């Protein structure tokens, strides 16, 4: 499997190419660009993520992060990917398939984050669209789940536009920026249509422009 081989053979870094973007497994050489992007985007990302650790942006913490990523992939528990712009190889954000469940479930949870300079330009939509065949075909996952805060209108539109169906509301589901927040729960099945799918009826959503980030670790 290409994800596993990229960790076991660091010199071989296969990428998954999409529409103007590509995805690949994070590597130590990404640290400087990742740290700069996360620091630049701190205020932008803070309302949508768990509280950052005090040492979150340090090189030792990034090295520990990569070790955790490698362990999770070897154990088939999670698959982290960084998102790059194809035209200039700029790091723009990341996606993670986490909480992989096998057996009779064959499911995982999708989360993503986008750096502030690249938000609202369609890159994350292209990235998730690129990731879906990896999840459903290469990894054999039947069900991809995602959760986003109820006021994260761009993320709701992104998920619905890619065939995710809103299945319910989880009250005080995750602790985001120090507060327990309600989340809408979405899912996409391997045989769902690729385009928009009607979600169950819901209350009107707020119209604030927010970042398209959900629940994955950065």
Protein backbone atom coordinates (compact mmCIF):
# COMPACT_ATOMS: atom_id res chain seq x y z
CA UNK A 1 0.00 0.00 0.00
CA UNK A 2 1.43 3.36 -1.07
CA UNK A 3 0.78 5.08 2.27
CA UNK A 4 2.61 2.40 4.20
CA UNK A 5 5.51 2.22 1.75
CA UNK A 6 6.04 5.97 1.99
CA UNK A 7 6.68 5.64 5.72
CA UNK A 8 8.78 2.48 5.52
CA UNK A 9 10.80 3.91 2.58
CA UNK A 10 11.20 7.64 3.25
CA UNK A 11 13.04 8.22 -0.04
CA UNK A 12 9.95 7.10 -1.97
CA UNK A 13 7.20 9.68 -1.54
CA UNK A 14 4.28 8.77 -3.77
CA UNK A 15 1.69 11.48 -4.16
CA UNK A 16 -1.98 11.34 -5.03
CA UNK A 17 -2.65 13.90 -7.76
CA UNK A 18 -5.89 15.84 -8.07
CA UNK A 19 -7.26 18.92 -9.78
CA UNK A 20 -4.52 21.48 -9.16
CA UNK A 21 -3.51 19.80 -5.88
CA UNK A 22 -1.76 16.72 -4.61
CA UNK A 23 -1.67 14.83 -1.33
CA UNK A 24 1.19 12.99 0.32
CA UNK A 25 2.31 11.67 3.67
CA UNK A 26 3.98 14.33 5.89
CA UNK A 27 7.76 14.22 6.13
CA UNK A 28 10.32 15.88 8.39
CA UNK A 29 11.42 18.14 5.52
CA UNK A 30 7.97 19.75 5.67
CA UNK A 31 8.54 21.15 9.15
CA UNK A 32 9.63 24.71 8.37
CA UNK A 33 6.83 25.35 5.89
CA UNK A 34 4.26 23.66 8.15
CA UNK A 35 5.32 25.71 11.19
CA UNK A 36 5.18 28.98 9.22
CA UNK A 37 1.75 28.18 7.78
CA UNK A 38 0.30 27.13 11.12
CA UNK A 39 1.71 30.19 12.89
CA UNK A 40 0.46 32.54 10.19
CA UNK A 41 -2.97 30.88 10.37
CA UNK A 42 -3.21 30.64 14.16
CA UNK A 43 -5.96 33.25 14.60
CA UNK A 44 -7.83 31.86 11.59
CA UNK A 45 -7.76 28.25 12.86
CA UNK A 46 -8.21 28.81 16.60
CA UNK A 47 -12.06 28.95 16.58
CA UNK A 48 -12.25 25.55 14.83
CA UNK A 49 -9.60 23.43 16.54
CA UNK A 50 -8.76 22.05 19.99
CA UNK A 51 -6.48 24.26 22.07
CA UNK A 52 -2.92 23.99 20.81
CA UNK A 53 -0.25 22.63 23.15
CA UNK A 54 2.34 25.16 24.30
CA UNK A 55 5.06 23.44 22.26
CA UNK A 56 2.83 22.56 19.31
CA UNK A 57 4.92 24.32 16.65
CA UNK A 58 8.34 23.18 17.85
CA UNK A 59 10.51 20.77 15.88
CA UNK A 60 10.55 18.10 18.64
CA UNK A 61 6.74 18.17 18.74
CA UNK A 62 6.60 17.85 14.95
CA UNK A 63 9.00 14.89 15.10
CA UNK A 64 6.75 13.24 17.70
CA UNK A 65 3.78 13.97 15.45
CA UNK A 66 5.47 12.13 12.57
CA UNK A 67 6.26 9.16 14.79
CA UNK A 68 2.61 9.01 15.80
CA UNK A 69 1.55 9.24 12.18
CA UNK A 70 3.86 6.38 11.23
CA UNK A 71 2.61 4.23 14.11
CA UNK A 72 -1.01 4.92 13.25
CA UNK A 73 -0.51 4.01 9.59
CA UNK A 74 1.35 0.80 10.36
CA UNK A 75 -1.47 -0.15 12.71
CA UNK A 76 -4.11 0.84 10.13
CA UNK A 77 -5.62 3.30 12.61
CA UNK A 78 -5.22 6.64 10.81
CA UNK A 79 -3.89 8.08 7.55
CA UNK A 80 -2.63 11.69 7.63
CA UNK A 81 -1.93 13.60 4.42
CA UNK A 82 -0.57 17.05 3.69
CA UNK A 83 -2.16 19.12 0.92
CA UNK A 84 0.03 20.86 -1.65
CA UNK A 85 -0.67 23.17 -4.59
CA UNK A 86 0.50 21.46 -7.76
CA UNK A 87 1.67 24.64 -9.53
CA UNK A 88 4.35 25.55 -6.97
CA UNK A 89 4.42 22.73 -4.36
CA UNK A 90 3.19 25.07 -1.63
CA UNK A 91 1.90 23.39 1.51
CA UNK A 92 -1.68 24.59 2.03
CA UNK A 93 -3.22 22.35 4.71
CA UNK A 94 -3.90 18.75 5.63
CA UNK A 95 -6.42 15.94 5.78
CA UNK A 96 -6.63 12.94 8.07
CA UNK A 97 -8.60 9.73 7.94
CA UNK A 98 -8.69 8.74 11.61
CA UNK A 99 -10.46 6.28 13.87
CA UNK A 100 -10.31 3.55 11.22
CA UNK A 101 -12.64 0.69 12.10
CA UNK A 102 -12.46 -2.63 10.29
CA UNK A 103 -14.48 -5.82 10.63
CA UNK A 104 -18.16 -5.32 9.93
CA UNK A 105 -17.78 -1.52 10.02
CA UNK A 106 -15.10 -0.53 7.45
CA UNK A 107 -15.35 3.15 8.37
CA UNK A 108 -13.16 6.13 9.23
CA UNK A 109 -13.53 9.77 10.24
CA UNK A 110 -12.41 12.60 7.95
CA UNK A 111 -10.97 15.82 9.24
CA UNK A 112 -9.14 18.65 7.52
CA UNK A 113 -7.59 22.07 8.00
CA UNK A 114 -6.66 24.81 5.56
CA UNK A 115 -4.10 27.56 6.01
CA UNK A 116 -5.52 31.09 6.00
CA UNK A 117 -3.81 32.26 2.76
CA UNK A 118 -5.46 29.46 0.78
CA UNK A 119 -8.95 29.31 2.25
CA UNK A 120 -12.04 29.92 0.15
CA UNK A 121 -10.35 29.13 -3.18
CA UNK A 122 -11.63 25.60 -3.80
CA UNK A 123 -8.44 23.81 -2.82
CA UNK A 124 -9.97 21.79 0.03
CA UNK A 125 -12.86 20.69 -2.16
CA UNK A 126 -10.33 19.41 -4.70
CA UNK A 127 -8.36 17.73 -1.92
CA UNK A 128 -11.32 15.87 -0.45
CA UNK A 129 -12.43 14.85 -3.94
CA UNK A 130 -8.90 13.49 -4.52
CA UNK A 131 -8.90 11.65 -1.19
CA UNK A 132 -12.22 9.84 -1.66
CA UNK A 133 -10.99 7.16 -4.11
CA UNK A 134 -8.05 6.50 -1.78
CA UNK A 135 -10.43 6.01 1.13
CA UNK A 136 -13.05 3.93 -0.65
CA UNK A 137 -10.89 1.96 -3.09
CA UNK A 138 -7.28 1.79 -1.89
CA UNK A 139 -8.21 1.51 1.79
CA UNK A 140 -11.47 -0.36 1.22
CA UNK A 141 -13.53 1.87 3.50
CA UNK A 142 -17.29 1.60 3.10
CA UNK A 143 -18.17 4.70 5.12
CA UNK A 144 -16.41 8.04 5.57
CA UNK A 145 -17.72 10.16 8.42
CA UNK A 146 -17.14 13.86 9.11
CA UNK A 147 -18.25 16.27 11.81
CA UNK A 148 -18.26 20.05 11.72
CA UNK A 149 -19.50 22.79 13.98
CA UNK A 150 -23.00 23.99 13.19
CA UNK A 151 -21.82 27.50 12.24
CA UNK A 152 -19.11 26.27 9.83
CA UNK A 153 -21.14 27.03 6.72
CA UNK A 154 -18.33 26.62 4.13
CA UNK A 155 -17.45 23.17 5.47
CA UNK A 156 -21.11 22.13 5.46
CA UNK A 157 -21.41 23.22 1.83
CA UNK A 158 -18.17 21.47 0.90
CA UNK A 159 -19.26 18.14 2.39
CA UNK A 160 -22.76 18.26 0.94
CA UNK A 161 -21.37 19.22 -2.47
CA UNK A 162 -19.18 16.10 -2.46
CA UNK A 163 -21.98 13.69 -1.66
CA UNK A 164 -21.83 13.61 2.15
CA UNK A 165 -25.24 13.33 3.79
CA UNK A 166 -26.04 15.07 7.06
CA UNK A 167 -27.28 12.35 9.36
CA UNK A 168 -27.77 14.14 12.64
CA UNK A 169 -26.67 16.53 15.35
CA UNK A 170 -24.28 15.56 18.14
CA UNK A 171 -24.75 17.83 21.16
CA UNK A 172 -21.55 19.17 22.75
CA UNK A 173 -19.65 16.66 20.67
CA UNK A 174 -16.06 17.96 20.75
CA UNK A 175 -14.10 20.39 22.89
CA UNK A 176 -13.06 23.09 20.42
CA UNK A 177 -11.00 26.07 21.57
CA UNK A 178 -11.87 25.16 25.15
CA UNK A 179 -15.65 24.91 24.63
CA UNK A 180 -17.89 21.88 24.11
CA UNK A 181 -19.48 22.49 20.73
CA UNK A 182 -22.46 20.96 18.92
CA UNK A 183 -21.53 19.32 15.61
CA UNK A 184 -23.43 18.19 12.55
CA UNK A 185 -22.58 14.60 11.62
CA UNK A 186 -22.07 13.70 7.97
CA UNK A 187 -21.27 10.47 6.16
CA UNK A 188 -20.53 9.30 2.65
CA UNK A 189 -20.80 5.66 1.53
CA UNK A 190 -18.64 4.05 -1.14
CA UNK A 191 -21.61 3.70 -3.49
CA UNK A 192 -23.07 7.18 -2.91
CA UNK A 193 -23.25 9.46 -5.97
CA UNK A 194 -20.20 11.72 -6.36
CA UNK A 195 -22.17 14.98 -6.44
CA UNK A 196 -24.50 16.70 -4.05
CA UNK A 197 -26.97 14.54 -2.16
CA UNK A 198 -29.99 15.95 -0.40
CA UNK A 199 -29.53 16.00 3.35
CA UNK A 200 -32.35 15.64 5.86
CA UNK A 201 -34.29 18.81 6.56
CA UNK A 202 -32.48 21.19 8.89
CA UNK A 203 -32.81 24.60 10.44
CA UNK A 204 -31.43 27.55 8.50
CA UNK A 205 -27.65 27.79 8.84
CA UNK A 206 -25.78 30.94 9.83
CA UNK A 207 -24.20 32.79 6.92
CA UNK A 208 -20.85 33.70 8.46
CA UNK A 209 -17.79 33.10 6.30
CA UNK A 210 -15.78 30.53 8.21
CA UNK A 211 -12.78 28.36 7.53
CA UNK A 212 -13.37 24.96 5.99
CA UNK A 213 -11.79 22.92 8.72
CA UNK A 214 -13.25 20.06 10.70
CA UNK A 215 -11.92 17.78 13.37
CA UNK A 216 -8.67 16.20 12.27
CA UNK A 217 -5.40 16.74 14.11
CA UNK A 218 -3.23 19.21 12.28
